[in-house]
C-alpha atoms as a PDB file:
ATOM      1  CA  UNK A   1      -0.004  -0.033   0.002  1.00  0.00           C
ATOM      2  CA  UNK A   2       1.400   3.391  -1.025  1.00  0.00           C
ATOM      3  CA  UNK A   3       2.010   5.771   1.878  1.00  0.00           C
ATOM      4  CA  UNK A   4       1.924   9.504   1.208  1.00  0.00           C
ATOM      5  CA  UNK A   5       5.036  11.459   2.122  1.00  0.00           C
ATOM      6  CA  UNK A   6       4.728  15.068   3.253  1.00  0.00           C
ATOM      7  CA  UNK A   7       6.649  17.560   5.364  1.00  0.00           C
ATOM      8  CA  UNK A   8       3.604  19.286   6.922  1.00  0.00           C
ATOM      9  CA  UNK A   9      -0.151  18.771   7.176  1.00  0.00           C
ATOM     10  CA  UNK A  10      -2.717  21.507   6.695  1.00  0.00           C
ATOM     11  CA  UNK A  11      -6.268  20.883   7.794  1.00  0.00           C
ATOM     12  CA  UNK A  12      -9.306  23.092   7.081  1.00  0.00           C
ATOM     13  CA  UNK A  13     -11.342  25.088   4.686  1.00  0.00           C
ATOM     14  CA  UNK A  14     -10.917  25.879   1.008  1.00  0.00           C
ATOM     15  CA  UNK A  15     -13.542  28.159  -0.471  1.00  0.00           C
ATOM     16  CA  UNK A  16     -14.362  30.865  -2.999  1.00  0.00           C
ATOM     17  CA  UNK A  17     -15.026  34.489  -2.090  1.00  0.00           C
ATOM     18  CA  UNK A  18     -17.869  35.486  -4.408  1.00  0.00           C
ATOM     19  CA  UNK A  19     -18.066  39.190  -5.130  1.00  0.00           C
ATOM     20  CA  UNK A  20     -20.885  41.325  -6.590  1.00  0.00           C
ATOM     21  CA  UNK A  21     -21.164  40.621 -10.274  1.00  0.00           C
ATOM     22  CA  UNK A  22     -20.111  37.004  -9.812  1.00  0.00           C
ATOM     23  CA  UNK A  23     -16.340  37.280  -9.692  1.00  0.00           C
ATOM     24  CA  UNK A  24     -14.959  34.460  -7.522  1.00  0.00           C
ATOM     25  CA  UNK A  25     -11.564  34.384  -5.793  1.00  0.00           C
ATOM     26  CA  UNK A  26     -10.035  31.150  -4.490  1.00  0.00           C
ATOM     27  CA  UNK A  27      -9.089  31.207  -0.835  1.00  0.00           C
ATOM     28  CA  UNK A  28      -9.601  30.010   2.711  1.00  0.00           C
ATOM     29  CA  UNK A  29      -6.792  30.515   5.237  1.00  0.00           C
ATOM     30  CA  UNK A  30      -5.605  26.881   5.374  1.00  0.00           C
ATOM     31  CA  UNK A  31      -5.654  26.633   1.594  1.00  0.00           C
ATOM     32  CA  UNK A  32      -3.656  29.860   1.276  1.00  0.00           C
ATOM     33  CA  UNK A  33      -1.085  28.511   3.755  1.00  0.00           C
ATOM     34  CA  UNK A  34      -0.783  25.209   1.932  1.00  0.00           C
ATOM     35  CA  UNK A  35      -0.446  27.010  -1.430  1.00  0.00           C
ATOM     36  CA  UNK A  36       2.353  29.210  -0.154  1.00  0.00           C
ATOM     37  CA  UNK A  37       4.161  26.311   1.501  1.00  0.00           C
ATOM     38  CA  UNK A  38       4.172  24.476  -1.812  1.00  0.00           C
ATOM     39  CA  UNK A  39       5.273  27.588  -3.705  1.00  0.00           C
ATOM     40  CA  UNK A  40       8.199  27.903  -1.281  1.00  0.00           C
ATOM     41  CA  UNK A  41       9.343  24.346  -1.786  1.00  0.00           C
ATOM     42  CA  UNK A  42       7.589  22.401   0.944  1.00  0.00           C
ATOM     43  CA  UNK A  43       5.348  19.369   0.395  1.00  0.00           C
ATOM     44  CA  UNK A  44       2.140  20.013   2.378  1.00  0.00           C
ATOM     45  CA  UNK A  45      -0.671  17.503   2.645  1.00  0.00           C
ATOM     46  CA  UNK A  46      -3.829  19.617   2.442  1.00  0.00           C
ATOM     47  CA  UNK A  47      -6.748  17.916   4.189  1.00  0.00           C
ATOM     48  CA  UNK A  48     -10.110  19.368   3.128  1.00  0.00           C
ATOM     49  CA  UNK A  49     -13.349  18.633   1.347  1.00  0.00           C
ATOM     50  CA  UNK A  50     -15.123  20.181  -1.636  1.00  0.00           C
ATOM     51  CA  UNK A  51     -18.422  19.561  -3.306  1.00  0.00           C
ATOM     52  CA  UNK A  52     -18.825  17.566  -6.538  1.00  0.00           C
ATOM     53  CA  UNK A  53     -19.501  20.852  -8.334  1.00  0.00           C
ATOM     54  CA  UNK A  54     -17.791  23.360 -10.627  1.00  0.00           C
ATOM     55  CA  UNK A  55     -16.073  25.206  -7.765  1.00  0.00           C
ATOM     56  CA  UNK A  56     -14.737  21.869  -6.398  1.00  0.00           C
ATOM     57  CA  UNK A  57     -13.402  20.995  -9.846  1.00  0.00           C
ATOM     58  CA  UNK A  58     -11.647  24.354 -10.063  1.00  0.00           C
ATOM     59  CA  UNK A  59      -9.982  23.775  -6.728  1.00  0.00           C
ATOM     60  CA  UNK A  60      -8.686  20.358  -7.779  1.00  0.00           C
ATOM     61  CA  UNK A  61      -7.346  21.852 -11.037  1.00  0.00           C
ATOM     62  CA  UNK A  62      -5.642  24.704  -9.188  1.00  0.00           C
ATOM     63  CA  UNK A  63      -3.949  22.294  -6.801  1.00  0.00           C
ATOM     64  CA  UNK A  64      -2.764  20.174  -9.683  1.00  0.00           C
ATOM     65  CA  UNK A  65      -1.302  23.273 -11.379  1.00  0.00           C
ATOM     66  CA  UNK A  66       0.507  24.169  -8.153  1.00  0.00           C
ATOM     67  CA  UNK A  67       1.792  20.537  -7.984  1.00  0.00           C
ATOM     68  CA  UNK A  68       0.164  20.033  -4.591  1.00  0.00           C
ATOM     69  CA  UNK A  69      -0.748  16.652  -3.207  1.00  0.00           C
ATOM     70  CA  UNK A  70      -4.427  16.070  -3.891  1.00  0.00           C
ATOM     71  CA  UNK A  71      -4.906  12.697  -2.181  1.00  0.00           C
ATOM     72  CA  UNK A  72      -6.480  14.283   0.923  1.00  0.00           C
ATOM     73  CA  UNK A  73      -8.831  16.639  -0.946  1.00  0.00           C
ATOM     74  CA  UNK A  74     -12.171  14.849  -0.550  1.00  0.00           C
ATOM     75  CA  UNK A  75     -15.343  15.226  -2.628  1.00  0.00           C
ATOM     76  CA  UNK A  76     -18.824  15.360  -1.132  1.00  0.00           C
ATOM     77  CA  UNK A  77     -21.895  14.264  -3.086  1.00  0.00           C
ATOM     78  CA  UNK A  78     -24.326  16.250  -0.983  1.00  0.00           C
ATOM     79  CA  UNK A  79     -22.675  19.380   0.431  1.00  0.00           C
ATOM     80  CA  UNK A  80     -21.438  22.207  -1.817  1.00  0.00           C
ATOM     81  CA  UNK A  81     -17.958  23.668  -1.995  1.00  0.00           C
ATOM     82  CA  UNK A  82     -17.517  26.442   0.543  1.00  0.00           C
ATOM     83  CA  UNK A  83     -18.283  30.020  -0.441  1.00  0.00           C
ATOM     84  CA  UNK A  84     -18.212  33.434   1.167  1.00  0.00           C
ATOM     85  CA  UNK A  85     -20.673  36.034  -0.135  1.00  0.00           C
ATOM     86  CA  UNK A  86     -18.920  39.373  -0.215  1.00  0.00           C
ATOM     87  CA  UNK A  87     -21.011  42.516  -0.263  1.00  0.00           C
ATOM     88  CA  UNK A  88     -19.611  46.020  -0.726  1.00  0.00           C
ATOM     89  CA  UNK A  89     -21.292  49.051   0.802  1.00  0.00           C
ATOM     90  CA  UNK A  90     -19.450  52.333   0.084  1.00  0.00           C
ATOM     91  CA  UNK A  91     -16.322  50.304  -0.492  1.00  0.00           C
ATOM     92  CA  UNK A  92     -16.492  48.517   2.864  1.00  0.00           C
ATOM     93  CA  UNK A  93     -16.846  44.726   2.518  1.00  0.00           C
ATOM     94  CA  UNK A  94     -19.090  42.543   4.615  1.00  0.00           C
ATOM     95  CA  UNK A  95     -18.940  38.728   4.560  1.00  0.00           C
ATOM     96  CA  UNK A  96     -21.504  35.933   4.832  1.00  0.00           C
ATOM     97  CA  UNK A  97     -19.854  32.505   5.173  1.00  0.00           C
ATOM     98  CA  UNK A  98     -22.052  29.769   3.778  1.00  0.00           C
ATOM     99  CA  UNK A  99     -23.064  26.948   6.129  1.00  0.00           C
ATOM    100  CA  UNK A 100     -23.138  24.021   5.986  1.00  0.00           C
ATOM    101  CA  UNK A 101     -20.680  23.179   3.193  1.00  0.00           C
ATOM    102  CA  UNK A 102     -18.268  20.432   2.261  1.00  0.00           C
ATOM    103  CA  UNK A 103     -15.448  21.545   4.590  1.00  0.00           C
ATOM    104  CA  UNK A 104     -17.799  21.032   7.500  1.00  0.00           C
ATOM    105  CA  UNK A 105     -17.658  17.287   6.792  1.00  0.00           C
ATOM    106  CA  UNK A 106     -13.901  16.625   6.429  1.00  0.00           C
ATOM    107  CA  UNK A 107     -12.907  12.973   6.967  1.00  0.00           C
ATOM    108  CA  UNK A 108      -9.499  11.872   8.270  1.00  0.00           C
ATOM    109  CA  UNK A 109      -6.879  11.718   5.518  1.00  0.00           C
ATOM    110  CA  UNK A 110      -5.316   8.589   4.067  1.00  0.00           C
ATOM    111  CA  UNK A 111      -2.231   7.130   5.762  1.00  0.00           C
ATOM    112  CA  UNK A 112       0.764   9.449   5.427  1.00  0.00           C
ATOM    113  CA  UNK A 113       4.358   9.596   6.501  1.00  0.00           C
ATOM    114  CA  UNK A 114       5.420  13.002   7.838  1.00  0.00           C
ATOM    115  CA  UNK A 115       8.965  14.246   7.690  1.00  0.00           C
ATOM    116  CA  UNK A 116      10.881  15.009  10.880  1.00  0.00           C
ATOM    117  CA  UNK A 117       9.873  18.390  12.332  1.00  0.00           C
ATOM    118  CA  UNK A 118       6.567  18.319  10.450  1.00  0.00           C
ATOM    119  CA  UNK A 119       3.721  20.434  11.821  1.00  0.00           C
ATOM    120  CA  UNK A 120      -0.067  20.184  11.766  1.00  0.00           C
ATOM    121  CA  UNK A 121      -1.710  23.506  10.872  1.00  0.00           C
ATOM    122  CA  UNK A 122      -5.356  24.391  11.465  1.00  0.00           C
ATOM    123  CA  UNK A 123      -7.604  27.310  12.395  1.00  0.00           C
ATOM    124  CA  UNK A 124     -11.131  27.557  13.843  1.00  0.00           C
ATOM    125  CA  UNK A 125     -13.584  28.027  10.935  1.00  0.00           C
ATOM    126  CA  UNK A 126     -13.542  24.422   9.831  1.00  0.00           C
ATOM    127  CA  UNK A 127     -14.196  23.321  13.394  1.00  0.00           C
ATOM    128  CA  UNK A 128     -17.681  24.866  13.578  1.00  0.00           C
ATOM    129  CA  UNK A 129     -19.349  21.448  12.922  1.00  0.00           C
ATOM    130  CA  UNK A 130     -18.710  18.274  14.862  1.00  0.00           C
ATOM    131  CA  UNK A 131     -17.780  16.054  11.910  1.00  0.00           C
ATOM    132  CA  UNK A 132     -14.705  18.062  10.950  1.00  0.00           C
ATOM    133  CA  UNK A 133     -13.849  18.566  14.646  1.00  0.00           C
ATOM    134  CA  UNK A 134     -13.863  14.842  15.260  1.00  0.00           C
ATOM    135  CA  UNK A 135     -11.690  14.251  12.161  1.00  0.00           C
ATOM    136  CA  UNK A 136      -9.147  16.778  13.373  1.00  0.00           C
ATOM    137  CA  UNK A 137      -9.099  15.169  16.799  1.00  0.00           C
ATOM    138  CA  UNK A 138      -8.488  11.783  15.204  1.00  0.00           C
ATOM    139  CA  UNK A 139      -5.706  13.240  13.041  1.00  0.00           C
ATOM    140  CA  UNK A 140      -4.042  14.775  16.106  1.00  0.00           C
ATOM    141  CA  UNK A 141      -4.219  11.481  17.962  1.00  0.00           C
ATOM    142  CA  UNK A 142      -2.947   9.262  15.127  1.00  0.00           C
ATOM    143  CA  UNK A 143      -0.179  11.598  13.902  1.00  0.00           C
ATOM    144  CA  UNK A 144       1.069  13.078  17.207  1.00  0.00           C
ATOM    145  CA  UNK A 145       2.320  16.019  15.169  1.00  0.00           C
ATOM    146  CA  UNK A 146       2.954  19.303  17.002  1.00  0.00           C
ATOM    147  CA  UNK A 147       0.252  21.804  16.088  1.00  0.00           C
ATOM    148  CA  UNK A 148       0.666  25.310  14.611  1.00  0.00           C
ATOM    149  CA  UNK A 149      -2.710  26.997  15.162  1.00  0.00           C
ATOM    150  CA  UNK A 150      -3.614  30.243  13.446  1.00  0.00           C
ATOM    151  CA  UNK A 151      -6.889  31.085  15.116  1.00  0.00           C
ATOM    152  CA  UNK A 152      -8.292  33.224  12.247  1.00  0.00           C
ATOM    153  CA  UNK A 153     -11.423  33.990  14.266  1.00  0.00           C
ATOM    154  CA  UNK A 154     -14.441  34.610  12.034  1.00  0.00           C
ATOM    155  CA  UNK A 155     -17.582  35.707  13.870  1.00  0.00           C
ATOM    156  CA  UNK A 156     -19.953  34.066  14.594  1.00  0.00           C
ATOM    157  CA  UNK A 157     -18.226  30.802  13.715  1.00  0.00           C
ATOM    158  CA  UNK A 158     -16.316  30.173  16.986  1.00  0.00           C
ATOM    159  CA  UNK A 159     -16.943  30.020  20.689  1.00  0.00           C
ATOM    160  CA  UNK A 160     -14.988  29.776  23.920  1.00  0.00           C
ATOM    161  CA  UNK A 161     -15.063  25.973  23.930  1.00  0.00           C
ATOM    162  CA  UNK A 162     -13.538  25.769  20.445  1.00  0.00           C
ATOM    163  CA  UNK A 163     -10.844  28.287  21.261  1.00  0.00           C
ATOM    164  CA  UNK A 164      -9.977  26.582  24.519  1.00  0.00           C
ATOM    165  CA  UNK A 165      -9.848  23.158  22.826  1.00  0.00           C
ATOM    166  CA  UNK A 166      -7.458  24.594  20.178  1.00  0.00           C
ATOM    167  CA  UNK A 167      -5.128  26.102  22.780  1.00  0.00           C
ATOM    168  CA  UNK A 168      -5.044  22.893  24.753  1.00  0.00           C
ATOM    169  CA  UNK A 169      -3.633  21.101  21.669  1.00  0.00           C
ATOM    170  CA  UNK A 170      -1.386  23.919  20.390  1.00  0.00           C
ATOM    171  CA  UNK A 171       2.395  23.775  20.327  1.00  0.00           C
ATOM    172  CA  UNK A 172       2.586  27.073  18.468  1.00  0.00           C
ATOM    173  CA  UNK A 173      -0.164  29.738  18.488  1.00  0.00           C
ATOM    174  CA  UNK A 174      -0.363  32.515  15.922  1.00  0.00           C
ATOM    175  CA  UNK A 175      -2.723  35.416  16.363  1.00  0.00           C
ATOM    176  CA  UNK A 176      -2.989  39.166  15.936  1.00  0.00           C
ATOM    177  CA  UNK A 177      -3.528  41.786  18.601  1.00  0.00           C
ATOM    178  CA  UNK A 178      -7.294  41.916  18.003  1.00  0.00           C
ATOM    179  CA  UNK A 179      -7.527  38.162  18.368  1.00  0.00           C
ATOM    180  CA  UNK A 180      -5.436  38.213  21.534  1.00  0.00           C
ATOM    181  CA  UNK A 181      -7.939  40.570  23.103  1.00  0.00           C
ATOM    182  CA  UNK A 182     -10.824  38.378  21.965  1.00  0.00           C
ATOM    183  CA  UNK A 183      -9.189  35.235  23.385  1.00  0.00           C
ATOM    184  CA  UNK A 184      -8.671  36.907  26.723  1.00  0.00           C
ATOM    185  CA  UNK A 185     -12.338  37.995  26.773  1.00  0.00           C
ATOM    186  CA  UNK A 186     -13.574  34.535  25.793  1.00  0.00           C
ATOM    187  CA  UNK A 187     -11.413  32.770  28.402  1.00  0.00           C
ATOM    188  CA  UNK A 188     -11.778  35.354  31.160  1.00  0.00           C
ATOM    189  CA  UNK A 189      -8.072  36.290  31.210  1.00  0.00           C
ATOM    190  CA  UNK A 190      -8.603  39.961  31.676  1.00  0.00           C
ATOM    191  CA  UNK A 191      -5.050  40.546  32.905  1.00  0.00           C
ATOM    192  CA  UNK A 192      -3.897  39.949  29.328  1.00  0.00           C
ATOM    193  CA  UNK A 193      -5.361  43.288  28.276  1.00  0.00           C
ATOM    194  CA  UNK A 194      -1.900  44.830  28.054  1.00  0.00           C
ATOM    195  CA  UNK A 195      -1.028  42.428  25.222  1.00  0.00           C
ATOM    196  CA  UNK A 196       2.217  40.512  24.810  1.00  0.00           C
ATOM    197  CA  UNK A 197       3.669  41.606  28.169  1.00  0.00           C
ATOM    198  CA  UNK A 198       1.188  39.283  29.890  1.00  0.00           C
ATOM    199  CA  UNK A 199       1.335  36.428  27.362  1.00  0.00           C
ATOM    200  CA  UNK A 200       2.988  34.430  30.130  1.00  0.00           C
ATOM    201  CA  UNK A 201      -0.512  33.699  31.361  1.00  0.00           C
ATOM    202  CA  UNK A 202      -1.234  31.824  28.163  1.00  0.00           C
ATOM    203  CA  UNK A 203       1.932  29.811  28.704  1.00  0.00           C
ATOM    204  CA  UNK A 204       0.826  28.979  32.237  1.00  0.00           C
ATOM    205  CA  UNK A 205      -2.674  27.947  31.117  1.00  0.00           C
ATOM    206  CA  UNK A 206      -1.773  25.935  28.033  1.00  0.00           C
ATOM    207  CA  UNK A 207       1.067  23.683  26.804  1.00  0.00           C
ATOM    208  CA  UNK A 208       2.313  26.263  24.245  1.00  0.00           C
ATOM    209  CA  UNK A 209       5.932  26.360  23.276  1.00  0.00           C
ATOM    210  CA  UNK A 210       5.689  29.580  21.306  1.00  0.00           C
ATOM    211  CA  UNK A 211       3.359  32.445  20.417  1.00  0.00           C
ATOM    212  CA  UNK A 212       3.598  34.372  17.141  1.00  0.00           C
ATOM    213  CA  UNK A 213       1.906  37.732  17.695  1.00  0.00           C
ATOM    214  CA  UNK A 214       1.397  40.017  14.692  1.00  0.00           C
ATOM    215  CA  UNK A 215       0.714  43.695  15.350  1.00  0.00           C
ATOM    216  CA  UNK A 216       0.013  45.128  11.916  1.00  0.00           C
ATOM    217  CA  UNK A 217       2.101  48.203  11.246  1.00  0.00           C
ATOM    218  CA  UNK A 218       3.805  47.826  14.649  1.00  0.00           C
ATOM    219  CA  UNK A 219       5.628  44.632  13.642  1.00  0.00           C
ATOM    220  CA  UNK A 220       5.540  41.105  14.992  1.00  0.00           C
ATOM    221  CA  UNK A 221       6.840  39.120  17.951  1.00  0.00           C
ATOM    222  CA  UNK A 222       7.782  35.573  18.748  1.00  0.00           C
ATOM    223  CA  UNK A 223       7.382  34.757  22.435  1.00  0.00           C
ATOM    224  CA  UNK A 224       8.859  31.502  23.732  1.00  0.00           C
ATOM    225  CA  UNK A 225       7.935  29.518  26.803  1.00  0.00           C
ATOM    226  CA  UNK A 226      11.516  29.854  28.082  1.00  0.00           C
ATOM    227  CA  UNK A 227      10.962  33.618  28.331  1.00  0.00           C
ATOM    228  CA  UNK A 228      12.764  34.706  25.164  1.00  0.00           C
ATOM    229  CA  UNK A 229      11.127  37.496  23.189  1.00  0.00           C
ATOM    230  CA  UNK A 230      11.991  38.311  19.588  1.00  0.00           C
ATOM    231  CA  UNK A 231      10.745  41.308  17.563  1.00  0.00           C
ATOM    232  CA  UNK A 232      10.728  42.348  13.939  1.00  0.00           C
ATOM    233  CA  UNK A 233       9.410  45.785  12.800  1.00  0.00           C
ATOM    234  CA  UNK A 234       6.875  45.883   9.986  1.00  0.00           C
ATOM    235  CA  UNK A 235       8.405  45.677   6.535  1.00  0.00           C
ATOM    236  CA  UNK A 236       7.340  48.510   4.216  1.00  0.00           C
ATOM    237  CA  UNK A 237       5.120  47.505   1.255  1.00  0.00           C
ATOM    238  CA  UNK A 238       6.541  48.663  -2.059  1.00  0.00           C
ATOM    239  CA  UNK A 239       3.094  49.187  -3.642  1.00  0.00           C
ATOM    240  CA  UNK A 240       0.053  48.459  -1.493  1.00  0.00           C
ATOM    241  CA  UNK A 241      -2.626  46.529  -3.408  1.00  0.00           C
ATOM    242  CA  UNK A 242      -4.520  45.040  -0.478  1.00  0.00           C
ATOM    243  CA  UNK A 243      -3.884  43.155   2.790  1.00  0.00           C
ATOM    244  CA  UNK A 244      -5.938  40.088   1.847  1.00  0.00           C
ATOM    245  CA  UNK A 245      -4.084  36.943   2.876  1.00  0.00           C
ATOM    246  CA  UNK A 246      -1.112  38.721   4.458  1.00  0.00           C
ATOM    247  CA  UNK A 247      -1.597  36.863   7.699  1.00  0.00           C
ATOM    248  CA  UNK A 248      -1.683  33.511   5.904  1.00  0.00           C
ATOM    249  CA  UNK A 249       1.533  34.370   4.084  1.00  0.00           C
ATOM    250  CA  UNK A 250       3.198  35.202   7.423  1.00  0.00           C
ATOM    251  CA  UNK A 251       1.979  31.876   8.891  1.00  0.00           C
ATOM    252  CA  UNK A 252       3.336  29.846   5.994  1.00  0.00           C
ATOM    253  CA  UNK A 253       6.844  31.262   6.346  1.00  0.00           C
ATOM    254  CA  UNK A 254       6.741  31.070  10.135  1.00  0.00           C
ATOM    255  CA  UNK A 255       5.930  27.354   9.807  1.00  0.00           C
ATOM    256  CA  UNK A 256       8.819  26.875   7.402  1.00  0.00           C
ATOM    257  CA  UNK A 257      11.093  28.600   9.898  1.00  0.00           C
ATOM    258  CA  UNK A 258      10.003  26.348  12.736  1.00  0.00           C
ATOM    259  CA  UNK A 259      10.275  23.187  10.712  1.00  0.00           C
ATOM    260  CA  UNK A 260      13.723  24.183   9.373  1.00  0.00           C
ATOM    261  CA  UNK A 261      14.914  25.533  12.701  1.00  0.00           C
ATOM    262  CA  UNK A 262      15.789  29.037  11.540  1.00  0.00           C
ATOM    263  CA  UNK A 263      16.877  31.580  14.153  1.00  0.00           C
ATOM    264  CA  UNK A 264      13.810  33.416  15.386  1.00  0.00           C
ATOM    265  CA  UNK A 265      15.029  36.757  14.044  1.00  0.00           C
ATOM    266  CA  UNK A 266      15.435  35.158  10.577  1.00  0.00           C
ATOM    267  CA  UNK A 267      11.961  33.613  10.830  1.00  0.00           C
ATOM    268  CA  UNK A 268      10.347  36.895  11.713  1.00  0.00           C
ATOM    269  CA  UNK A 269      12.120  38.945   9.102  1.00  0.00           C
ATOM    270  CA  UNK A 270      11.411  36.439   6.276  1.00  0.00           C
ATOM    271  CA  UNK A 271       7.753  36.066   7.323  1.00  0.00           C
ATOM    272  CA  UNK A 272       7.241  39.828   7.523  1.00  0.00           C
ATOM    273  CA  UNK A 273       8.932  40.383   4.161  1.00  0.00           C
ATOM    274  CA  UNK A 274       6.887  37.683   2.414  1.00  0.00           C
ATOM    275  CA  UNK A 275       3.629  39.067   3.934  1.00  0.00           C
ATOM    276  CA  UNK A 276       4.554  42.536   2.666  1.00  0.00           C
ATOM    277  CA  UNK A 277       5.125  41.058  -0.794  1.00  0.00           C
ATOM    278  CA  UNK A 278       1.602  39.544  -0.746  1.00  0.00           C
ATOM    279  CA  UNK A 279       0.225  43.003   0.083  1.00  0.00           C
ATOM    280  CA  UNK A 280       1.678  44.200  -3.181  1.00  0.00           C
ATOM    281  CA  UNK A 281      -0.378  41.732  -5.266  1.00  0.00           C
ATOM    282  CA  UNK A 282      -4.153  41.604  -5.695  1.00  0.00           C
ATOM    283  CA  UNK A 283      -5.739  38.974  -3.497  1.00  0.00           C
ATOM    284  CA  UNK A 284      -4.298  36.300  -1.246  1.00  0.00           C
ATOM    285  CA  UNK A 285      -2.461  34.220  -3.896  1.00  0.00           C
ATOM    286  CA  UNK A 286       0.034  35.447  -6.487  1.00  0.00           C
ATOM    287  CA  UNK A 287      -0.892  34.875 -10.110  1.00  0.00           C
ATOM    288  CA  UNK A 288       2.310  33.023 -10.972  1.00  0.00           C
ATOM    289  CA  UNK A 289       5.480  31.633  -9.419  1.00  0.00           C
ATOM    290  CA  UNK A 290       7.706  34.704  -9.819  1.00  0.00           C
ATOM    291  CA  UNK A 291       7.168  35.861  -6.222  1.00  0.00           C
ATOM    292  CA  UNK A 292       8.094  32.407  -4.856  1.00  0.00           C
ATOM    293  CA  UNK A 293      11.229  32.273  -7.023  1.00  0.00           C
ATOM    294  CA  UNK A 294      12.290  35.768  -5.908  1.00  0.00           C
ATOM    295  CA  UNK A 295      11.675  34.900  -2.263  1.00  0.00           C
ATOM    296  CA  UNK A 296      13.694  31.704  -2.435  1.00  0.00           C
ATOM    297  CA  UNK A 297      16.500  33.499  -4.237  1.00  0.00           C
ATOM    298  CA  UNK A 298      16.564  36.120  -1.451  1.00  0.00           C
ATOM    299  CA  UNK A 299      16.702  33.395   1.161  1.00  0.00           C
ATOM    300  CA  UNK A 300      19.438  31.488  -0.570  1.00  0.00           C
ATOM    301  CA  UNK A 301      21.482  34.610  -0.919  1.00  0.00           C
ATOM    302  CA  UNK A 302      21.089  35.609   2.699  1.00  0.00           C
END
């Protein structure tokens, strides 16, 4: 029996953002992360589910073009591929996330063989229904991979129980300052209101080894259980297009840095630089491989 080989596992949603007029953009935070990991030379196993519909077929074709493993992309005969309905009012977007959809019914993946230092990535959106939650739990138990959790909180599709369950399984936690405040509110940790200075409370409450805290234009931190704190200022964007997917780009490079054991300062600088590069292109995913090639050339020359 053939066993899949991969160097990281990404679990969660893939979907289309559908804009007024019918334009649809491929996305979903876990999918974006897996896409970037592949573009940067990793071999992620993306575990998700799509409908047996045109959107699902487009996702499969896109993954094949990106030379991603498709063995863990499941098809559902009853539930549709995930979508987000985007409305614009005076230029301000609002989002309605369809429910239920195929990624609410993810099954455990086929047997796979992870590389040393592999990570298991997930967020919270795909955990809103019990079927996918149970599959993730089974995956965690059978793989024993350390988890990199990017909360990506999307109201109203999370609750305190889901967040707490995620943190109890997390080795690495990535979140932004707004999410940090929301986590403290949900879990009753009001002393965390001052931000990263009190992140030690999260280390005391949960088995975290590290916290990646992004602060927008203020930069980003890595906080370690041992007490180390590392900081990188924000990297200027050469030509701001939009910030869609910047956090996912940051997460993908942070995961690479953890898996490849980069110094934390290197990890932060490379993650911040790649996230800034994504802000200079339209949407969450670059249209071709040039950005990935340029990024790898910069890393290899550093």
